[in-house]
Amino acid sequence: MPTKIIMRWDVRKETESEYFEFLVHEFIPGLNRLGIGDIQVWYTAYGDCEQKLASGVTQSTEQMRQILDSSDWLKLTEQLQRFVNDYSQKMIPATRGFQL
């Protein structure tokens, strides 16, 4: 069953420029290298929730679990957390449409 990871975070104001460079040049390509596709990153313009929501999909739950258990995933998310606060992630079955 296709599986989706949903990640949420707030960008630290003092790292916005470095964060954007990391997101474009390292984080998104890193997700692709790990086998996560259909990557989307959303910005919250208004409301009381995380500033960013990102998601990606794998072909199976097993594949997603292997990725999330890998040292490469740990390294990538640790790098991201240098630029953000309140990082969280969850794994859910992928369905059509916008999922929270």
N, C-alpha and C. Protein backbone atom coordinates (compact mmCIF):
# COMPACT_ATOMS: atom_id res chain seq x y z
N MET A 1 0.84 -1.18 0.00
CA MET A 1 0.00 0.00 0.00
C MET A 1 0.89 1.25 0.00
N PRO A 2 0.63 2.20 -0.89
CA PRO A 2 1.39 3.45 -0.86
C PRO A 2 1.29 4.11 0.51
N THR A 3 2.41 4.67 0.95
CA THR A 3 2.48 5.25 2.29
C THR A 3 3.05 6.66 2.19
N LYS A 4 2.49 7.54 3.01
CA LYS A 4 2.89 8.95 2.99
C LYS A 4 3.52 9.32 4.33
N ILE A 5 4.56 10.14 4.25
CA ILE A 5 5.09 10.76 5.46
C ILE A 5 4.67 12.23 5.43
N ILE A 6 4.18 12.69 6.57
CA ILE A 6 3.82 14.09 6.72
C ILE A 6 4.73 14.68 7.79
N MET A 7 5.40 15.77 7.43
CA MET A 7 6.33 16.44 8.34
C MET A 7 5.86 17.88 8.53
N ARG A 8 6.04 18.39 9.73
CA ARG A 8 5.64 19.77 10.05
C ARG A 8 6.76 20.45 10.82
N TRP A 9 6.90 21.76 10.61
CA TRP A 9 7.90 22.51 11.36
C TRP A 9 7.69 24.01 11.19
N ASP A 10 8.37 24.75 12.04
CA ASP A 10 8.45 26.21 11.96
C ASP A 10 9.89 26.58 11.64
N VAL A 11 10.08 27.47 10.68
CA VAL A 11 11.43 27.92 10.32
C VAL A 11 11.87 28.97 11.33
N ARG A 12 13.09 28.80 11.85
CA ARG A 12 13.66 29.80 12.77
C ARG A 12 13.99 31.06 11.96
N LYS A 13 13.52 32.20 12.41
CA LYS A 13 13.69 33.45 11.67
C LYS A 13 15.15 33.74 11.33
N GLU A 14 16.05 33.45 12.25
CA GLU A 14 17.46 33.77 12.02
C GLU A 14 18.14 32.84 11.02
N THR A 15 17.46 31.79 10.58
CA THR A 15 18.07 30.85 9.63
C THR A 15 17.31 30.76 8.32
N GLU A 16 16.40 31.70 8.03
CA GLU A 16 15.54 31.59 6.85
C GLU A 16 16.31 31.42 5.55
N SER A 17 17.34 32.20 5.34
CA SER A 17 18.11 32.12 4.10
C SER A 17 18.82 30.77 3.97
N GLU A 18 19.50 30.35 5.04
CA GLU A 18 20.20 29.07 5.03
C GLU A 18 19.22 27.91 4.91
N TYR A 19 18.06 28.06 5.57
CA TYR A 19 17.02 27.02 5.49
C TYR A 19 16.59 26.81 4.05
N PHE A 20 16.30 27.89 3.33
CA PHE A 20 15.84 27.77 1.96
C PHE A 20 16.88 27.07 1.09
N GLU A 21 18.14 27.45 1.24
CA GLU A 21 19.22 26.81 0.48
C GLU A 21 19.28 25.31 0.80
N PHE A 22 19.19 24.97 2.07
CA PHE A 22 19.22 23.57 2.48
C PHE A 22 18.02 22.81 1.91
N LEU A 23 16.83 23.39 1.99
CA LEU A 23 15.62 22.73 1.51
C LEU A 23 15.74 22.39 0.02
N VAL A 24 16.16 23.37 -0.77
CA VAL A 24 16.21 23.20 -2.22
C VAL A 24 17.37 22.32 -2.67
N HIS A 25 18.54 22.50 -2.06
CA HIS A 25 19.74 21.82 -2.55
C HIS A 25 20.08 20.52 -1.83
N GLU A 26 19.53 20.30 -0.63
CA GLU A 26 19.88 19.09 0.11
C GLU A 26 18.68 18.27 0.56
N PHE A 27 17.69 18.92 1.18
CA PHE A 27 16.59 18.16 1.78
C PHE A 27 15.72 17.46 0.73
N ILE A 28 15.20 18.21 -0.23
CA ILE A 28 14.34 17.61 -1.24
C ILE A 28 15.10 16.60 -2.10
N PRO A 29 16.31 16.91 -2.59
CA PRO A 29 17.06 15.88 -3.31
C PRO A 29 17.38 14.67 -2.43
N GLY A 30 17.61 14.90 -1.13
CA GLY A 30 17.88 13.79 -0.21
C GLY A 30 16.68 12.88 -0.06
N LEU A 31 15.48 13.46 0.02
CA LEU A 31 14.26 12.64 0.08
C LEU A 31 14.15 11.78 -1.18
N ASN A 32 14.42 12.38 -2.33
CA ASN A 32 14.37 11.62 -3.58
C ASN A 32 15.38 10.49 -3.60
N ARG A 33 16.59 10.76 -3.16
CA ARG A 33 17.63 9.72 -3.13
C ARG A 33 17.24 8.55 -2.23
N LEU A 34 16.54 8.85 -1.15
CA LEU A 34 16.12 7.80 -0.22
C LEU A 34 14.96 6.97 -0.77
N GLY A 35 14.29 7.46 -1.80
CA GLY A 35 13.18 6.72 -2.39
C GLY A 35 11.82 7.31 -2.11
N ILE A 36 11.79 8.52 -1.58
CA ILE A 36 10.52 9.20 -1.32
C ILE A 36 10.21 10.10 -2.51
N GLY A 37 9.02 9.93 -3.07
CA GLY A 37 8.62 10.71 -4.24
C GLY A 37 7.40 11.56 -3.97
N ASP A 38 6.91 12.21 -5.01
CA ASP A 38 5.73 13.08 -4.94
C ASP A 38 5.84 14.04 -3.76
N ILE A 39 6.97 14.71 -3.67
CA ILE A 39 7.27 15.59 -2.53
C ILE A 39 6.54 16.92 -2.70
N GLN A 40 5.88 17.33 -1.64
CA GLN A 40 5.17 18.60 -1.62
C GLN A 40 5.55 19.34 -0.34
N VAL A 41 5.71 20.65 -0.46
CA VAL A 41 5.99 21.50 0.70
C VAL A 41 4.98 22.64 0.66
N TRP A 42 4.27 22.80 1.76
CA TRP A 42 3.22 23.82 1.86
C TRP A 42 3.60 24.85 2.90
N TYR A 43 3.23 26.10 2.65
CA TYR A 43 3.48 27.20 3.57
C TYR A 43 2.15 27.66 4.15
N THR A 44 2.09 27.81 5.46
CA THR A 44 0.89 28.31 6.12
C THR A 44 0.97 29.83 6.21
N ALA A 45 0.09 30.50 5.51
CA ALA A 45 0.09 31.96 5.50
C ALA A 45 -0.72 32.54 6.66
N TYR A 46 -1.71 31.79 7.15
CA TYR A 46 -2.57 32.31 8.19
C TYR A 46 -3.06 31.16 9.06
N GLY A 47 -3.08 31.37 10.36
CA GLY A 47 -3.62 30.36 11.26
C GLY A 47 -2.63 29.99 12.35
N ASP A 48 -3.13 29.26 13.30
CA ASP A 48 -2.34 28.85 14.46
C ASP A 48 -1.89 27.40 14.29
N CYS A 49 -0.90 27.20 13.44
CA CYS A 49 -0.35 25.86 13.22
C CYS A 49 1.08 26.01 12.70
N GLU A 50 1.72 24.90 12.41
CA GLU A 50 3.10 24.95 11.93
C GLU A 50 3.20 25.75 10.64
N GLN A 51 4.34 26.40 10.47
CA GLN A 51 4.57 27.24 9.30
C GLN A 51 4.71 26.42 8.02
N LYS A 52 5.31 25.24 8.11
CA LYS A 52 5.54 24.40 6.93
C LYS A 52 4.94 23.02 7.15
N LEU A 53 4.39 22.47 6.08
CA LEU A 53 3.93 21.09 6.05
C LEU A 53 4.51 20.48 4.79
N ALA A 54 5.20 19.37 4.92
CA ALA A 54 5.80 18.70 3.77
C ALA A 54 5.37 17.25 3.78
N SER A 55 5.27 16.68 2.59
CA SER A 55 4.89 15.27 2.51
C SER A 55 5.62 14.61 1.35
N GLY A 56 5.67 13.29 1.41
CA GLY A 56 6.25 12.49 0.35
C GLY A 56 5.70 11.08 0.44
N VAL A 57 5.82 10.33 -0.65
CA VAL A 57 5.17 9.03 -0.76
C VAL A 57 6.17 7.96 -1.18
N THR A 58 5.98 6.76 -0.62
CA THR A 58 6.70 5.56 -1.08
C THR A 58 5.67 4.55 -1.56
N GLN A 59 6.14 3.52 -2.25
CA GLN A 59 5.25 2.50 -2.80
C GLN A 59 4.64 1.60 -1.74
N SER A 60 5.32 1.49 -0.59
CA SER A 60 4.83 0.56 0.44
C SER A 60 5.18 1.06 1.84
N THR A 61 4.45 0.53 2.81
CA THR A 61 4.73 0.84 4.21
C THR A 61 6.10 0.31 4.59
N GLU A 62 6.43 -0.88 4.10
CA GLU A 62 7.74 -1.47 4.41
C GLU A 62 8.88 -0.58 3.91
N GLN A 63 8.75 -0.07 2.69
CA GLN A 63 9.78 0.81 2.15
C GLN A 63 9.92 2.07 3.00
N MET A 64 8.79 2.65 3.41
CA MET A 64 8.84 3.87 4.23
C MET A 64 9.50 3.56 5.57
N ARG A 65 9.16 2.44 6.19
CA ARG A 65 9.76 2.08 7.48
C ARG A 65 11.27 1.91 7.35
N GLN A 66 11.71 1.28 6.26
CA GLN A 66 13.15 1.10 6.05
C GLN A 66 13.84 2.45 5.92
N ILE A 67 13.22 3.37 5.20
CA ILE A 67 13.80 4.71 5.04
C ILE A 67 13.87 5.41 6.39
N LEU A 68 12.77 5.39 7.15
CA LEU A 68 12.73 6.10 8.43
C LEU A 68 13.65 5.50 9.47
N ASP A 69 14.02 4.23 9.30
CA ASP A 69 14.95 3.57 10.22
C ASP A 69 16.41 3.71 9.79
N SER A 70 16.65 4.37 8.65
CA SER A 70 18.01 4.43 8.11
C SER A 70 18.82 5.57 8.72
N SER A 71 20.13 5.40 8.71
CA SER A 71 21.02 6.45 9.20
C SER A 71 20.97 7.67 8.28
N ASP A 72 20.71 7.46 6.99
CA ASP A 72 20.61 8.59 6.06
C ASP A 72 19.40 9.48 6.40
N TRP A 73 18.28 8.86 6.79
CA TRP A 73 17.11 9.63 7.21
C TRP A 73 17.42 10.43 8.47
N LEU A 74 18.04 9.78 9.42
CA LEU A 74 18.40 10.45 10.67
C LEU A 74 19.30 11.66 10.40
N LYS A 75 20.28 11.47 9.55
CA LYS A 75 21.20 12.56 9.22
C LYS A 75 20.46 13.72 8.54
N LEU A 76 19.58 13.40 7.59
CA LEU A 76 18.84 14.42 6.86
C LEU A 76 17.93 15.22 7.79
N THR A 77 17.21 14.54 8.67
CA THR A 77 16.30 15.25 9.58
C THR A 77 17.07 16.01 10.66
N GLU A 78 18.22 15.50 11.07
CA GLU A 78 19.05 16.25 12.02
C GLU A 78 19.55 17.54 11.38
N GLN A 79 19.93 17.47 10.11
CA GLN A 79 20.37 18.68 9.40
C GLN A 79 19.22 19.69 9.30
N LEU A 80 18.03 19.21 8.97
CA LEU A 80 16.87 20.09 8.88
C LEU A 80 16.62 20.80 10.21
N GLN A 81 16.76 20.08 11.30
CA GLN A 81 16.44 20.64 12.61
C GLN A 81 17.42 21.72 13.07
N ARG A 82 18.51 21.92 12.35
CA ARG A 82 19.39 23.07 12.63
C ARG A 82 18.71 24.37 12.24
N PHE A 83 17.71 24.30 11.34
CA PHE A 83 17.06 25.49 10.80
C PHE A 83 15.62 25.68 11.27
N VAL A 84 15.07 24.69 11.98
CA VAL A 84 13.65 24.73 12.31
C VAL A 84 13.40 24.42 13.78
N ASN A 85 12.19 24.73 14.23
CA ASN A 85 11.70 24.36 15.56
C ASN A 85 10.44 23.51 15.40
N ASP A 86 10.10 22.79 16.45
CA ASP A 86 8.84 22.05 16.52
C ASP A 86 8.66 21.05 15.37
N TYR A 87 9.73 20.35 15.02
CA TYR A 87 9.64 19.34 13.96
C TYR A 87 8.84 18.14 14.45
N SER A 88 7.94 17.66 13.60
CA SER A 88 7.22 16.42 13.89
C SER A 88 6.98 15.68 12.58
N GLN A 89 6.75 14.38 12.68
CA GLN A 89 6.49 13.58 11.50
C GLN A 89 5.53 12.46 11.85
N LYS A 90 4.78 12.02 10.84
CA LYS A 90 3.94 10.85 11.01
C LYS A 90 3.81 10.14 9.67
N MET A 91 3.55 8.85 9.74
CA MET A 91 3.41 8.01 8.57
C MET A 91 1.96 7.56 8.49
N ILE A 92 1.34 7.70 7.30
CA ILE A 92 -0.06 7.33 7.12
C ILE A 92 -0.24 6.65 5.76
N PRO A 93 -1.32 5.92 5.57
CA PRO A 93 -1.62 5.38 4.23
C PRO A 93 -1.86 6.55 3.27
N ALA A 94 -1.28 6.49 2.09
CA ALA A 94 -1.45 7.57 1.11
C ALA A 94 -2.77 7.40 0.39
N THR A 95 -3.56 8.47 0.38
CA THR A 95 -4.80 8.50 -0.38
C THR A 95 -4.80 9.75 -1.24
N ARG A 96 -5.77 9.86 -2.08
CA ARG A 96 -5.86 11.05 -2.94
C ARG A 96 -6.25 12.26 -2.12
N GLY A 97 -5.87 13.41 -2.60
CA GLY A 97 -6.26 14.65 -1.95
C GLY A 97 -5.30 15.07 -0.86
N PHE A 98 -5.63 16.17 -0.24
CA PHE A 98 -4.80 16.76 0.81
C PHE A 98 -5.02 16.00 2.11
N GLN A 99 -3.95 15.56 2.73
CA GLN A 99 -4.04 14.81 3.98
C GLN A 99 -3.29 15.53 5.08
N LEU A 100 -3.84 15.48 6.29
CA LEU A 100 -3.19 16.08 7.45
C LEU A 100 -2.75 15.01 8.35
